[in-house]
Amino acid sequence: MSDTIEYTIEQLTAMACPKTSHGTFRLMGHEITILNVPGLIDTVGAYGLWFHKDLVIMLDPDVKPSQYEHALYHEMTHAVLDLTGHMKLSTNERFVDCIGGALAQVASTLNRAEMKAKRKAKK
C-alpha cells in the first residue's frame, strides 16, 4: 500500500493562487493555462505538472526562482512534445528535463543579454 495521495486537477486548481497565476500561451492552436499552485512540491512532490487533457501547467511559486523557471520550461517541453504527437518522448523524464533545462538556460541567457543591451542603450 502506498502513502501517496492522488489529487485531481480540480483539487489542485482549487489550490491555485489567481493573483499570481502566470498566464497563458498559444501552442499548436491551443491555449495553455499556467497556474501557480502554492505548496505543490509538498502536495504532490513536484515543482510543476502538465495536464495534457486539460491544457494546464501547474507550478509551485514557493520554490527558488531558478527552480520555477526550470520547471516552467520542463512542463512546456511536455506540452510541445504531446501536442506535436511525440507522446512517447514526453514520457521520458530525463529527456524532457534535459531539453527543458537547456531551454531555460537559453532564455535566461537571452534575458540577461537583453537587459545588458538596454542598459547600454540608455547611456
N, C-alpha and C. Protein backbone atom coordinates (compact mmCIF):
# COMPACT_ATOMS: atom_id res chain seq x y z
N MET A 1 0.84 -1.18 0.00
CA MET A 1 0.00 0.00 0.00
C MET A 1 0.89 1.24 0.00
N SER A 2 0.51 2.23 -0.79
CA SER A 2 1.31 3.43 -0.95
C SER A 2 0.80 4.55 -0.05
N ASP A 3 1.75 5.38 0.41
CA ASP A 3 1.37 6.55 1.21
C ASP A 3 1.03 7.75 0.33
N THR A 4 1.20 7.59 -0.99
CA THR A 4 0.96 8.69 -1.93
C THR A 4 -0.54 8.98 -2.00
N ILE A 5 -0.87 10.25 -1.91
CA ILE A 5 -2.25 10.68 -2.04
C ILE A 5 -2.43 11.22 -3.45
N GLU A 6 -3.42 10.74 -4.15
CA GLU A 6 -3.70 11.20 -5.51
C GLU A 6 -4.64 12.40 -5.45
N TYR A 7 -4.33 13.43 -6.24
CA TYR A 7 -5.16 14.62 -6.32
C TYR A 7 -5.70 14.76 -7.72
N THR A 8 -6.92 15.24 -7.85
CA THR A 8 -7.48 15.51 -9.18
C THR A 8 -7.06 16.91 -9.61
N ILE A 9 -7.16 17.18 -10.90
CA ILE A 9 -6.82 18.52 -11.39
C ILE A 9 -7.75 19.55 -10.75
N GLU A 10 -8.98 19.17 -10.49
CA GLU A 10 -9.93 20.10 -9.87
C GLU A 10 -9.46 20.48 -8.46
N GLN A 11 -8.99 19.50 -7.70
CA GLN A 11 -8.50 19.77 -6.34
C GLN A 11 -7.27 20.67 -6.37
N LEU A 12 -6.35 20.39 -7.30
CA LEU A 12 -5.14 21.21 -7.41
C LEU A 12 -5.47 22.60 -7.93
N THR A 13 -6.40 22.71 -8.87
CA THR A 13 -6.80 24.02 -9.40
C THR A 13 -7.41 24.87 -8.30
N ALA A 14 -8.16 24.24 -7.41
CA ALA A 14 -8.76 24.97 -6.29
C ALA A 14 -7.69 25.56 -5.37
N MET A 15 -6.49 24.97 -5.38
CA MET A 15 -5.39 25.47 -4.56
C MET A 15 -4.63 26.61 -5.24
N ALA A 16 -4.91 26.83 -6.52
CA ALA A 16 -4.17 27.84 -7.29
C ALA A 16 -4.39 29.23 -6.73
N CYS A 17 -3.40 30.05 -6.90
CA CYS A 17 -3.44 31.43 -6.43
C CYS A 17 -3.70 32.34 -7.63
N PRO A 18 -4.94 32.80 -7.83
CA PRO A 18 -5.27 33.57 -9.04
C PRO A 18 -4.50 34.89 -9.16
N LYS A 19 -4.14 35.50 -8.06
CA LYS A 19 -3.45 36.78 -8.13
C LYS A 19 -2.04 36.65 -8.69
N THR A 20 -1.47 35.46 -8.58
CA THR A 20 -0.09 35.29 -9.06
C THR A 20 0.01 34.27 -10.19
N SER A 21 -1.12 33.90 -10.80
CA SER A 21 -1.05 32.93 -11.89
C SER A 21 -0.23 33.51 -13.03
N HIS A 22 0.50 32.65 -13.67
CA HIS A 22 1.50 33.04 -14.65
C HIS A 22 0.87 33.55 -15.94
N GLY A 23 -0.26 32.99 -16.36
CA GLY A 23 -0.90 33.44 -17.59
C GLY A 23 -1.19 32.30 -18.54
N THR A 24 -1.20 32.64 -19.84
CA THR A 24 -1.49 31.66 -20.88
C THR A 24 -0.53 31.87 -22.04
N PHE A 25 -0.42 30.85 -22.87
CA PHE A 25 0.31 30.98 -24.13
C PHE A 25 -0.35 30.06 -25.15
N ARG A 26 -0.11 30.33 -26.42
CA ARG A 26 -0.68 29.53 -27.51
C ARG A 26 0.35 28.54 -28.00
N LEU A 27 -0.11 27.33 -28.29
CA LEU A 27 0.76 26.28 -28.81
C LEU A 27 -0.06 25.34 -29.68
N MET A 28 0.31 25.22 -30.93
CA MET A 28 -0.36 24.32 -31.88
C MET A 28 -1.87 24.57 -31.92
N GLY A 29 -2.25 25.83 -31.86
CA GLY A 29 -3.67 26.19 -31.94
C GLY A 29 -4.42 26.05 -30.62
N HIS A 30 -3.74 25.69 -29.57
CA HIS A 30 -4.37 25.52 -28.26
C HIS A 30 -3.92 26.63 -27.31
N GLU A 31 -4.78 26.96 -26.37
CA GLU A 31 -4.39 27.90 -25.32
C GLU A 31 -4.01 27.10 -24.08
N ILE A 32 -2.76 27.28 -23.64
CA ILE A 32 -2.26 26.59 -22.46
C ILE A 32 -2.33 27.56 -21.29
N THR A 33 -2.90 27.12 -20.19
CA THR A 33 -3.01 27.94 -18.99
C THR A 33 -1.92 27.53 -18.01
N ILE A 34 -1.26 28.53 -17.44
CA ILE A 34 -0.24 28.27 -16.43
C ILE A 34 -0.77 28.78 -15.09
N LEU A 35 -0.89 27.88 -14.13
CA LEU A 35 -1.39 28.23 -12.80
C LEU A 35 -0.29 28.08 -11.76
N ASN A 36 -0.20 29.03 -10.86
CA ASN A 36 0.69 28.92 -9.71
C ASN A 36 -0.09 28.27 -8.57
N VAL A 37 0.45 27.17 -8.08
CA VAL A 37 -0.20 26.43 -7.00
C VAL A 37 0.76 26.36 -5.82
N PRO A 38 0.61 27.27 -4.84
CA PRO A 38 1.49 27.24 -3.67
C PRO A 38 1.45 25.89 -2.97
N GLY A 39 2.63 25.40 -2.58
CA GLY A 39 2.71 24.13 -1.86
C GLY A 39 2.63 22.90 -2.74
N LEU A 40 2.71 23.07 -4.06
CA LEU A 40 2.62 21.92 -4.96
C LEU A 40 3.70 20.89 -4.65
N ILE A 41 4.91 21.36 -4.37
CA ILE A 41 6.01 20.44 -4.07
C ILE A 41 5.69 19.59 -2.84
N ASP A 42 5.04 20.19 -1.85
CA ASP A 42 4.68 19.45 -0.63
C ASP A 42 3.48 18.54 -0.86
N THR A 43 2.59 18.96 -1.76
CA THR A 43 1.36 18.21 -2.01
C THR A 43 1.59 17.00 -2.89
N VAL A 44 2.31 17.18 -4.01
CA VAL A 44 2.48 16.08 -4.96
C VAL A 44 3.95 15.72 -5.21
N GLY A 45 4.87 16.47 -4.59
CA GLY A 45 6.28 16.15 -4.74
C GLY A 45 6.89 16.59 -6.05
N ALA A 46 6.32 17.62 -6.67
CA ALA A 46 6.84 18.10 -7.95
C ALA A 46 6.82 19.62 -7.98
N TYR A 47 7.79 20.20 -8.68
CA TYR A 47 7.81 21.66 -8.86
C TYR A 47 6.76 22.09 -9.87
N GLY A 48 6.42 21.18 -10.76
CA GLY A 48 5.44 21.50 -11.79
C GLY A 48 4.75 20.26 -12.31
N LEU A 49 3.60 20.46 -12.95
CA LEU A 49 2.83 19.37 -13.55
C LEU A 49 2.24 19.85 -14.87
N TRP A 50 2.11 18.94 -15.82
CA TRP A 50 1.46 19.22 -17.11
C TRP A 50 0.26 18.29 -17.24
N PHE A 51 -0.90 18.88 -17.50
CA PHE A 51 -2.13 18.11 -17.71
C PHE A 51 -2.52 18.25 -19.17
N HIS A 52 -2.16 17.25 -19.98
CA HIS A 52 -2.38 17.29 -21.42
C HIS A 52 -3.86 17.45 -21.76
N LYS A 53 -4.69 16.64 -21.16
CA LYS A 53 -6.13 16.66 -21.46
C LYS A 53 -6.75 18.03 -21.17
N ASP A 54 -6.28 18.68 -20.12
CA ASP A 54 -6.86 19.96 -19.69
C ASP A 54 -6.09 21.17 -20.20
N LEU A 55 -4.92 20.94 -20.83
CA LEU A 55 -4.07 22.01 -21.35
C LEU A 55 -3.67 22.99 -20.24
N VAL A 56 -3.24 22.43 -19.13
CA VAL A 56 -2.88 23.22 -17.95
C VAL A 56 -1.49 22.81 -17.45
N ILE A 57 -0.68 23.83 -17.17
CA ILE A 57 0.59 23.64 -16.48
C ILE A 57 0.43 24.24 -15.09
N MET A 58 0.82 23.48 -14.08
CA MET A 58 0.80 23.98 -12.70
C MET A 58 2.22 24.08 -12.19
N LEU A 59 2.54 25.18 -11.52
CA LEU A 59 3.88 25.41 -10.99
C LEU A 59 3.80 25.86 -9.54
N ASP A 60 4.81 25.51 -8.76
CA ASP A 60 4.86 25.93 -7.37
C ASP A 60 5.64 27.24 -7.27
N PRO A 61 4.96 28.35 -6.94
CA PRO A 61 5.64 29.64 -6.86
C PRO A 61 6.52 29.80 -5.63
N ASP A 62 6.47 28.84 -4.72
CA ASP A 62 7.23 28.95 -3.47
C ASP A 62 8.65 28.40 -3.58
N VAL A 63 9.01 27.86 -4.74
CA VAL A 63 10.37 27.33 -4.92
C VAL A 63 11.29 28.47 -5.37
N LYS A 64 12.59 28.21 -5.39
CA LYS A 64 13.55 29.21 -5.82
C LYS A 64 13.25 29.63 -7.26
N PRO A 65 13.54 30.89 -7.62
CA PRO A 65 13.27 31.35 -8.99
C PRO A 65 13.89 30.46 -10.07
N SER A 66 15.10 29.98 -9.84
CA SER A 66 15.74 29.12 -10.84
C SER A 66 15.00 27.79 -10.98
N GLN A 67 14.48 27.26 -9.86
CA GLN A 67 13.71 26.01 -9.91
C GLN A 67 12.38 26.23 -10.62
N TYR A 68 11.76 27.38 -10.36
CA TYR A 68 10.49 27.73 -11.00
C TYR A 68 10.68 27.81 -12.52
N GLU A 69 11.73 28.53 -12.93
CA GLU A 69 11.99 28.70 -14.36
C GLU A 69 12.28 27.35 -15.02
N HIS A 70 13.09 26.54 -14.37
CA HIS A 70 13.41 25.22 -14.92
C HIS A 70 12.13 24.37 -15.03
N ALA A 71 11.30 24.41 -14.01
CA ALA A 71 10.05 23.64 -14.03
C ALA A 71 9.12 24.13 -15.14
N LEU A 72 9.07 25.45 -15.33
CA LEU A 72 8.23 26.00 -16.40
C LEU A 72 8.66 25.45 -17.75
N TYR A 73 9.94 25.50 -18.04
CA TYR A 73 10.43 25.01 -19.33
C TYR A 73 10.32 23.49 -19.44
N HIS A 74 10.47 22.79 -18.34
CA HIS A 74 10.28 21.34 -18.32
C HIS A 74 8.84 21.00 -18.72
N GLU A 75 7.87 21.67 -18.08
CA GLU A 75 6.46 21.39 -18.37
C GLU A 75 6.08 21.87 -19.77
N MET A 76 6.67 22.98 -20.24
CA MET A 76 6.42 23.44 -21.61
C MET A 76 6.96 22.42 -22.62
N THR A 77 8.07 21.76 -22.28
CA THR A 77 8.61 20.72 -23.16
C THR A 77 7.63 19.56 -23.26
N HIS A 78 7.04 19.15 -22.14
CA HIS A 78 5.99 18.12 -22.18
C HIS A 78 4.86 18.57 -23.12
N ALA A 79 4.44 19.82 -22.98
CA ALA A 79 3.34 20.33 -23.80
C ALA A 79 3.70 20.29 -25.29
N VAL A 80 4.88 20.76 -25.62
CA VAL A 80 5.31 20.76 -27.03
C VAL A 80 5.34 19.33 -27.57
N LEU A 81 5.94 18.42 -26.83
CA LEU A 81 6.04 17.04 -27.29
C LEU A 81 4.65 16.40 -27.44
N ASP A 82 3.80 16.56 -26.44
CA ASP A 82 2.46 15.96 -26.51
C ASP A 82 1.64 16.54 -27.64
N LEU A 83 1.67 17.84 -27.80
CA LEU A 83 0.82 18.49 -28.80
C LEU A 83 1.36 18.38 -30.22
N THR A 84 2.60 17.91 -30.36
CA THR A 84 3.14 17.66 -31.70
C THR A 84 3.18 16.16 -32.01
N GLY A 85 2.52 15.38 -31.17
CA GLY A 85 2.39 13.95 -31.44
C GLY A 85 3.55 13.09 -30.99
N HIS A 86 4.41 13.61 -30.13
CA HIS A 86 5.57 12.86 -29.64
C HIS A 86 5.36 12.44 -28.19
N MET A 87 4.23 11.79 -27.94
CA MET A 87 3.88 11.40 -26.57
C MET A 87 4.88 10.44 -25.95
N LYS A 88 5.48 9.56 -26.77
CA LYS A 88 6.44 8.61 -26.22
C LYS A 88 7.67 9.35 -25.68
N LEU A 89 8.16 10.35 -26.42
CA LEU A 89 9.28 11.15 -25.94
C LEU A 89 8.90 11.90 -24.67
N SER A 90 7.64 12.34 -24.59
CA SER A 90 7.18 13.10 -23.44
C SER A 90 7.19 12.27 -22.16
N THR A 91 7.15 10.96 -22.28
CA THR A 91 7.17 10.11 -21.08
C THR A 91 8.59 9.88 -20.58
N ASN A 92 9.59 10.29 -21.36
CA ASN A 92 10.99 10.13 -20.98
C ASN A 92 11.40 11.35 -20.16
N GLU A 93 11.27 11.25 -18.85
CA GLU A 93 11.51 12.40 -17.96
C GLU A 93 12.94 12.93 -18.06
N ARG A 94 13.89 12.05 -18.25
CA ARG A 94 15.29 12.50 -18.37
C ARG A 94 15.46 13.36 -19.62
N PHE A 95 14.89 12.92 -20.74
CA PHE A 95 14.95 13.68 -21.98
C PHE A 95 14.26 15.03 -21.82
N VAL A 96 13.04 15.01 -21.28
CA VAL A 96 12.27 16.23 -21.08
C VAL A 96 13.01 17.21 -20.18
N ASP A 97 13.63 16.68 -19.12
CA ASP A 97 14.35 17.54 -18.19
C ASP A 97 15.58 18.17 -18.84
N CYS A 98 16.29 17.40 -19.67
CA CYS A 98 17.46 17.94 -20.37
C CYS A 98 17.06 19.04 -21.35
N ILE A 99 16.03 18.80 -22.14
CA ILE A 99 15.57 19.80 -23.11
C ILE A 99 15.01 21.02 -22.39
N GLY A 100 14.16 20.79 -21.40
CA GLY A 100 13.59 21.90 -20.63
C GLY A 100 14.66 22.73 -19.94
N GLY A 101 15.64 22.06 -19.35
CA GLY A 101 16.73 22.77 -18.68
C GLY A 101 17.56 23.58 -19.66
N ALA A 102 17.82 23.01 -20.84
CA ALA A 102 18.59 23.74 -21.86
C ALA A 102 17.82 24.97 -22.33
N LEU A 103 16.52 24.82 -22.56
CA LEU A 103 15.71 25.96 -22.99
C LEU A 103 15.65 27.05 -21.90
N ALA A 104 15.55 26.64 -20.65
CA ALA A 104 15.55 27.60 -19.54
C ALA A 104 16.85 28.39 -19.52
N GLN A 105 17.96 27.68 -19.75
CA GLN A 105 19.26 28.36 -19.75
C GLN A 105 19.38 29.33 -20.92
N VAL A 106 18.91 28.93 -22.10
CA VAL A 106 18.93 29.83 -23.26
C VAL A 106 18.11 31.07 -22.97
N ALA A 107 16.89 30.88 -22.46
CA ALA A 107 16.01 32.02 -22.16
C ALA A 107 16.64 32.93 -21.13
N SER A 108 17.22 32.36 -20.09
CA SER A 108 17.86 33.15 -19.04
C SER A 108 19.03 33.94 -19.59
N THR A 109 19.83 33.31 -20.45
CA THR A 109 20.97 33.97 -21.07
C THR A 109 20.51 35.11 -21.97
N LEU A 110 19.47 34.87 -22.76
CA LEU A 110 18.93 35.91 -23.63
C LEU A 110 18.39 37.08 -22.82
N ASN A 111 17.70 36.77 -21.73
CA ASN A 111 17.16 37.84 -20.87
C ASN A 111 18.27 38.71 -20.30
N ARG A 112 19.36 38.09 -19.85
CA ARG A 112 20.48 38.86 -19.31
C ARG A 112 21.13 39.71 -20.40
N ALA A 113 21.31 39.14 -21.60
CA ALA A 113 21.92 39.88 -22.70
C ALA A 113 21.02 41.05 -23.12
N GLU A 114 19.72 40.81 -23.12
CA GLU A 114 18.76 41.86 -23.49
C GLU A 114 18.78 42.99 -22.46
N MET A 115 18.82 42.65 -21.19
CA MET A 115 18.87 43.68 -20.14
C MET A 115 20.16 44.48 -20.24
N LYS A 116 21.27 43.80 -20.50
CA LYS A 116 22.56 44.48 -20.63
C LYS A 116 22.53 45.44 -21.82
N ALA A 117 21.96 45.00 -22.92
CA ALA A 117 21.86 45.86 -24.12
C ALA A 117 20.98 47.07 -23.85
N LYS A 118 19.90 46.89 -23.13
CA LYS A 118 19.01 48.01 -22.81
C LYS A 118 19.70 49.01 -21.92
N ARG A 119 20.46 48.52 -20.93
CA ARG A 119 21.21 49.43 -20.04
C ARG A 119 22.24 50.22 -20.85
N LYS A 120 22.90 49.55 -21.76
CA LYS A 120 23.92 50.18 -22.59
C LYS A 120 23.30 51.26 -23.50
N ALA A 121 22.10 50.96 -24.03
CA ALA A 121 21.41 51.89 -24.93
C ALA A 121 20.94 53.15 -24.19
N LYS A 122 20.67 53.03 -22.90
CA LYS A 122 20.20 54.20 -22.11
C LYS A 122 21.31 55.18 -21.82
N LYS A 123 22.56 54.75 -21.92
CA LYS A 123 23.69 55.63 -21.58
C LYS A 123 23.94 56.66 -22.65
